[in-house]
N, C-alpha and C. Protein backbone atom coordinates (compact mmCIF):
# COMPACT_ATOMS: atom_id res chain seq x y z
N MET A 1 13.35 5.29 12.67
CA MET A 1 12.62 4.50 12.68
C MET A 1 13.35 2.94 11.95
N PHE A 2 14.13 3.93 10.72
CA PHE A 2 14.98 3.17 9.79
C PHE A 2 16.72 3.00 10.59
N ARG A 3 16.59 3.93 11.29
CA ARG A 3 17.69 3.39 12.26
C ARG A 3 17.59 2.41 13.25
N TYR A 4 16.52 1.90 13.21
CA TYR A 4 16.33 1.01 14.18
C TYR A 4 16.74 -0.37 13.27
N ALA A 5 15.51 -0.19 11.95
CA ALA A 5 15.95 -1.48 11.12
C ALA A 5 17.68 -1.59 10.91
N ALA A 6 17.72 -0.53 10.55
CA ALA A 6 19.70 -0.58 10.41
C ALA A 6 20.41 -1.73 11.47
N LEU A 7 20.14 -0.97 13.01
CA LEU A 7 20.79 -2.24 13.62
C LEU A 7 20.56 -3.26 13.89
N ARG A 8 19.31 -3.77 13.34
CA ARG A 8 18.69 -5.07 13.61
C ARG A 8 19.31 -5.66 12.45
N ILE A 9 19.74 -4.88 11.65
CA ILE A 9 20.04 -5.77 9.86
C ILE A 9 21.37 -6.12 10.73
N SER A 10 21.92 -4.96 11.10
CA SER A 10 23.83 -4.97 11.60
C SER A 10 23.54 -5.98 12.17
N LEU A 11 23.45 -6.30 12.86
CA LEU A 11 23.15 -7.36 14.60
C LEU A 11 23.20 -8.20 13.99
N LEU A 12 21.96 -8.45 12.95
CA LEU A 12 21.69 -10.06 12.32
C LEU A 12 22.90 -10.82 10.93
N VAL A 13 23.96 -9.71 10.34
CA VAL A 13 25.19 -10.22 9.77
C VAL A 13 25.90 -10.34 11.06
N VAL A 14 26.11 -9.47 12.40
CA VAL A 14 27.15 -9.61 13.15
C VAL A 14 27.15 -11.06 13.48
N VAL A 15 25.86 -10.89 13.94
CA VAL A 15 25.27 -12.58 14.94
C VAL A 15 25.79 -13.84 13.46
N GLY A 16 25.34 -13.74 12.36
CA GLY A 16 25.64 -14.40 11.87
C GLY A 16 27.02 -14.96 11.13
N ALA A 17 27.54 -13.94 10.80
CA ALA A 17 29.09 -13.96 10.64
C ALA A 17 29.83 -15.03 11.77
N LEU A 18 29.52 -14.13 13.19
CA LEU A 18 29.86 -15.29 14.08
C LEU A 18 29.75 -16.63 14.27
N LEU A 19 27.89 -17.06 14.13
CA LEU A 19 28.18 -18.35 14.01
C LEU A 19 28.67 -19.07 13.00
N PHE A 20 28.93 -18.53 11.41
CA PHE A 20 29.66 -19.21 10.45
C PHE A 20 30.93 -19.28 11.06
N LEU A 21 31.85 -18.02 11.68
CA LEU A 21 32.81 -18.58 12.03
C LEU A 21 33.32 -20.33 13.20
N ALA A 22 32.11 -20.04 14.01
CA ALA A 22 32.05 -20.99 14.67
C ALA A 22 31.91 -22.37 13.78
N GLY A 23 31.13 -22.05 12.90
CA GLY A 23 31.43 -23.70 12.38
C GLY A 23 29.68 -24.24 11.94
N MET A 24 28.66 -23.18 11.96
CA MET A 24 27.63 -23.11 11.43
C MET A 24 27.26 -22.82 10.16
N ARG A 25 26.00 -24.15 9.42
CA ARG A 25 26.05 -23.70 7.93
C ARG A 25 24.37 -23.99 7.85
N GLY A 26 23.97 -23.66 6.95
CA GLY A 26 22.23 -23.59 6.74
C GLY A 26 22.37 -23.47 6.76
N VAL A 27 20.75 -23.39 7.39
CA VAL A 27 19.15 -23.71 8.39
C VAL A 27 19.68 -22.84 9.24
N LEU A 28 20.63 -23.97 9.79
CA LEU A 28 20.74 -24.23 11.45
C LEU A 28 21.58 -22.63 11.70
N LEU A 29 22.24 -22.27 10.59
CA LEU A 29 23.13 -20.77 10.96
C LEU A 29 21.80 -19.77 10.60
N ALA A 30 21.18 -19.74 9.39
CA ALA A 30 19.90 -18.88 9.31
C ALA A 30 19.03 -18.56 10.82
N GLY A 31 18.69 -19.77 10.87
CA GLY A 31 17.47 -20.02 12.21
C GLY A 31 18.00 -19.58 12.93
N SER A 32 19.33 -19.98 13.60
CA SER A 32 20.04 -19.52 14.87
C SER A 32 20.52 -17.73 14.72
N SER A 33 20.84 -17.83 14.19
CA SER A 33 20.85 -16.22 13.64
C SER A 33 19.47 -14.89 13.66
N ILE A 34 18.73 -15.42 13.27
CA ILE A 34 17.91 -14.77 13.20
C ILE A 34 16.99 -14.42 14.43
N ILE A 35 17.07 -15.99 15.57
CA ILE A 35 16.79 -16.00 17.27
C ILE A 35 17.59 -15.06 17.63
N ILE A 36 18.77 -15.74 17.54
CA ILE A 36 19.86 -14.83 18.79
C ILE A 36 19.32 -13.06 18.52
N ALA A 37 19.86 -12.71 17.02
CA ALA A 37 19.87 -11.01 17.04
C ALA A 37 18.59 -10.82 17.13
N ALA A 38 17.00 -11.58 17.08
CA ALA A 38 16.13 -10.88 17.43
C ALA A 38 16.00 -10.42 19.41
N LEU A 39 16.74 -11.61 19.70
CA LEU A 39 16.19 -11.88 21.26
C LEU A 39 17.95 -10.25 21.87
N LEU A 40 19.14 -10.49 20.85
CA LEU A 40 20.07 -9.21 21.10
C LEU A 40 18.97 -7.86 21.09
N ALA A 41 17.99 -7.83 20.00
CA ALA A 41 17.92 -6.51 19.87
C ALA A 41 16.77 -6.21 21.12
N TYR A 42 16.28 -7.24 21.19
CA TYR A 42 15.16 -6.72 22.69
C TYR A 42 16.13 -6.28 23.35
N ILE A 43 16.97 -7.17 23.98
CA ILE A 43 17.31 -6.81 25.26
C ILE A 43 18.73 -5.01 24.96
N PHE A 44 18.60 -5.00 23.92
CA PHE A 44 19.77 -3.69 24.41
C PHE A 44 19.73 -2.90 23.23
N PHE A 45 18.29 -3.27 22.59
CA PHE A 45 17.85 -1.94 22.28
C PHE A 45 16.19 -1.31 22.24
N PRO A 46 16.08 -0.99 23.50
CA PRO A 46 14.86 -0.85 23.44
C PRO A 46 14.21 0.33 22.98
N THR A 47 15.42 1.29 23.59
CA THR A 47 14.88 2.55 23.36
C THR A 47 14.84 3.50 21.86
N GLN A 48 15.45 2.50 20.80
CA GLN A 48 15.39 3.09 19.68
C GLN A 48 13.87 2.06 19.28
N ARG A 49 13.43 0.39 20.15
CA ARG A 49 12.50 -0.10 19.21
C ARG A 49 11.49 0.76 19.54
N ASN A 50 11.10 1.63 20.98
CA ASN A 50 10.00 2.49 21.32
C ASN A 50 9.64 3.64 20.77
N GLN A 51 11.05 4.27 19.65
CA GLN A 51 10.77 5.04 19.32
C GLN A 51 10.56 5.04 17.99
N ALA A 52 10.60 3.84 17.19
CA ALA A 52 10.00 3.78 16.01
C ALA A 52 8.61 2.80 16.34
N ALA A 53 8.21 2.50 17.36
CA ALA A 53 7.05 1.87 17.29
C ALA A 53 5.85 3.36 17.41
N GLN A 54 6.49 4.15 18.37
CA GLN A 54 6.01 5.68 17.81
C GLN A 54 5.75 6.43 16.77
N ARG A 55 6.82 6.26 15.96
CA ARG A 55 7.09 6.67 14.53
C ARG A 55 5.78 5.81 13.58
N LEU A 56 5.69 4.34 13.95
CA LEU A 56 4.52 3.89 13.28
C LEU A 56 3.23 4.12 13.40
N GLU A 57 2.90 4.75 14.86
CA GLU A 57 2.15 5.16 15.69
C GLU A 57 1.63 5.93 14.77
N GLN A 58 2.16 7.41 15.23
CA GLN A 58 1.66 8.08 14.47
C GLN A 58 1.35 8.40 12.81
N ILE A 59 2.35 8.14 11.90
CA ILE A 59 2.64 7.27 10.77
C ILE A 59 0.80 7.00 10.74
N ALA A 60 0.10 5.64 11.62
CA ALA A 60 -0.82 4.91 10.88
C ALA A 60 -2.56 5.68 11.32
N HIS A 61 -1.96 7.03 12.62
CA HIS A 61 -3.41 7.37 12.88
C HIS A 61 -2.59 8.81 12.56
N ARG A 62 -1.99 8.97 11.54
CA ARG A 62 -2.16 10.64 10.56
C ARG A 62 -3.11 10.87 9.96
N GLU A 63 -4.61 12.11 9.96
CA GLU A 63 -5.20 11.95 9.02
C GLU A 63 -4.26 12.78 7.91
N GLU A 64 -5.11 12.24 6.91
CA GLU A 64 -4.83 13.38 5.64
C GLU A 64 -5.75 14.54 5.73
N LYS A 65 -4.66 15.86 5.14
CA LYS A 65 -5.52 16.76 4.86
C LYS A 65 -6.69 16.41 3.82
N PRO A 66 -7.94 17.59 3.63
CA PRO A 66 -8.82 17.07 2.54
C PRO A 66 -8.17 18.01 1.67
N ARG A 67 -8.30 17.09 0.57
CA ARG A 67 -8.00 18.01 -0.79
C ARG A 67 -9.18 19.31 -0.98
N GLU A 68 -8.65 19.80 -1.75
CA GLU A 68 -9.26 21.14 -2.21
C GLU A 68 -9.43 21.34 -3.21
N ARG A 69 -10.58 21.54 -3.67
CA ARG A 69 -11.27 21.41 -5.44
C ARG A 69 -10.29 22.39 -5.72
N ASP A 70 -9.82 22.43 -6.57
CA ASP A 70 -8.75 23.31 -7.69
C ASP A 70 -10.47 23.66 -9.04
N GLU A 71 -10.12 24.33 -9.77
CA GLU A 71 -10.81 25.01 -10.76
C GLU A 71 -10.48 23.67 -12.09
N ASP A 72 -9.16 23.02 -12.38
CA ASP A 72 -9.01 21.92 -13.09
C ASP A 72 -9.97 21.01 -12.23
N MET A 73 -9.72 21.11 -11.52
CA MET A 73 -10.98 19.09 -11.26
C MET A 73 -12.53 20.03 -11.50
N ALA A 74 -13.23 21.08 -11.35
CA ALA A 74 -14.27 21.20 -11.38
C ALA A 74 -14.23 21.56 -13.19
N ALA A 75 -13.39 21.40 -13.80
CA ALA A 75 -13.20 21.62 -15.62
C ALA A 75 -13.88 20.05 -15.99
N GLU A 76 -13.04 19.31 -15.42
CA GLU A 76 -12.89 17.66 -15.57
C GLU A 76 -14.39 17.19 -14.94
N ASP A 77 -14.56 17.72 -13.98
CA ASP A 77 -16.08 17.13 -13.86
C ASP A 77 -17.02 17.26 -14.44
N ALA A 78 -16.99 18.40 -15.30
CA ALA A 78 -18.54 19.21 -15.87
C ALA A 78 -18.13 18.43 -17.15
N VAL A 79 -17.19 18.32 -17.86
CA VAL A 79 -17.01 17.68 -19.25
C VAL A 79 -16.99 15.90 -19.06
N VAL A 80 -16.76 15.35 -18.05
CA VAL A 80 -17.79 14.09 -17.44
C VAL A 80 -18.93 13.60 -17.53
N GLU A 81 -19.27 15.25 -17.12
CA GLU A 81 -21.04 14.23 -16.46
C GLU A 81 -21.62 15.17 -17.49
N GLU A 82 -21.06 16.04 -18.44
CA GLU A 82 -21.53 16.20 -19.98
C GLU A 82 -21.53 14.93 -20.82
N THR A 83 -20.36 14.21 -20.62
CA THR A 83 -20.38 12.92 -21.71
C THR A 83 -21.19 12.21 -21.68
N VAL A 84 -21.59 11.84 -20.07
CA VAL A 84 -22.31 11.13 -19.72
C VAL A 84 -23.93 11.12 -20.21
N VAL A 85 -24.46 12.22 -19.99
CA VAL A 85 -25.82 12.70 -20.10
C VAL A 85 -25.51 12.18 -21.47
N GLU A 86 -24.79 12.76 -22.60
CA GLU A 86 -24.55 12.49 -23.65
C GLU A 86 -25.39 10.99 -24.09
N ASP A 87 -24.45 10.56 -23.16
CA ASP A 87 -24.25 8.85 -23.93
C ASP A 87 -25.50 8.65 -23.63
N ALA A 88 -26.23 9.16 -22.33
CA ALA A 88 -27.10 8.32 -22.57
C ALA A 88 -28.84 8.81 -23.25
N ASP A 89 -28.27 10.07 -23.32
CA ASP A 89 -29.40 10.57 -24.44
C ASP A 89 -29.49 10.12 -25.66
N ALA A 90 -28.27 9.69 -26.18
CA ALA A 90 -27.89 8.59 -27.41
C ALA A 90 -28.75 7.28 -26.88
N GLY A 91 -28.42 6.69 -25.71
CA GLY A 91 -28.62 5.29 -25.38
C GLY A 91 -30.01 5.05 -26.28
N SER A 92 -30.94 6.06 -25.44
CA SER A 92 -32.26 5.85 -25.15
C SER A 92 -33.07 6.51 -26.32
N GLU A 93 -32.08 7.07 -27.64
CA GLU A 93 -32.74 7.23 -28.69
C GLU A 93 -32.76 6.08 -29.79
N GLU A 94 -31.14 5.10 -28.98
CA GLU A 94 -31.26 3.80 -30.33
C GLU A 94 -32.09 3.10 -29.91
N SER A 95 -32.79 3.16 -28.27
CA SER A 95 -33.10 2.04 -27.87
C SER A 95 -34.96 2.13 -28.37
N GLY A 96 -35.20 3.08 -29.17
CA GLY A 96 -36.64 3.76 -28.91
C GLY A 96 -37.00 3.34 -30.41
N GLU A 97 -35.21 3.32 -31.17
CA GLU A 97 -35.50 3.48 -33.24
C GLU A 97 -35.93 1.81 -32.40
N GLN A 98 -34.62 0.61 -31.78
CA GLN A 98 -35.02 -0.60 -32.42
C GLN A 98 -36.59 -0.85 -31.78
N GLU A 99 -36.96 0.03 -30.68
CA GLU A 99 -38.33 -0.81 -30.81
C GLU A 99 -39.46 -0.33 -31.94
N GLY A 100 -39.02 0.42 -32.56
CA GLY A 100 -40.20 1.19 -33.94
C GLY A 100 -40.32 0.13 -34.35
N ASP A 101 -38.61 -0.19 -34.88
CA ASP A 101 -38.43 -0.72 -36.40
C ASP A 101 -38.94 -2.90 -36.03
N SER A 102 -38.82 -2.95 -34.56
CA SER A 102 -39.17 -4.28 -34.24
C SER A 102 -41.25 -4.27 -34.45
N ASP A 103 -41.63 -3.49 -34.38
CA ASP A 103 -42.79 -3.03 -34.31
C ASP A 103 -43.20 -3.39 -35.73
N THR A 104 -43.15 -2.61 -37.25
CA THR A 104 -43.00 -2.99 -37.65
C THR A 104 -42.88 -4.31 -39.10
N GLU A 105 -41.75 -5.11 -38.22
CA GLU A 105 -41.56 -6.43 -38.82
C GLU A 105 -42.58 -7.42 -38.46
N LEU A 106 -43.55 -7.14 -37.00
CA LEU A 106 -44.52 -7.94 -36.62
C LEU A 106 -45.76 -7.66 -37.34
N ASN A 107 -46.04 -6.70 -38.08
CA ASN A 107 -47.30 -6.67 -39.11
C ASN A 107 -47.23 -7.07 -39.77
């Protein structure tokens, strides 16, 4: 895959240099270089293109290995769950105290 990209970039540079020496400049040079290099790569590098495409397909369809839970992850989960439960209990106690305060103010 890297080899195909390097070949295409090298071809672009060579075509650009040749067109520059031929007198092209600016946007015309850039556009012509890209188009001509793409056509030449399509014609002269089909094997490398197919290999790169197969490699990309393998990467796209690769399945990730399932992560195994280790002791550290289990310990972290336990700490987080304890914190969440404590925060929930503290929140319900505070709301109960606030409701009681508002009842005494109304009387």
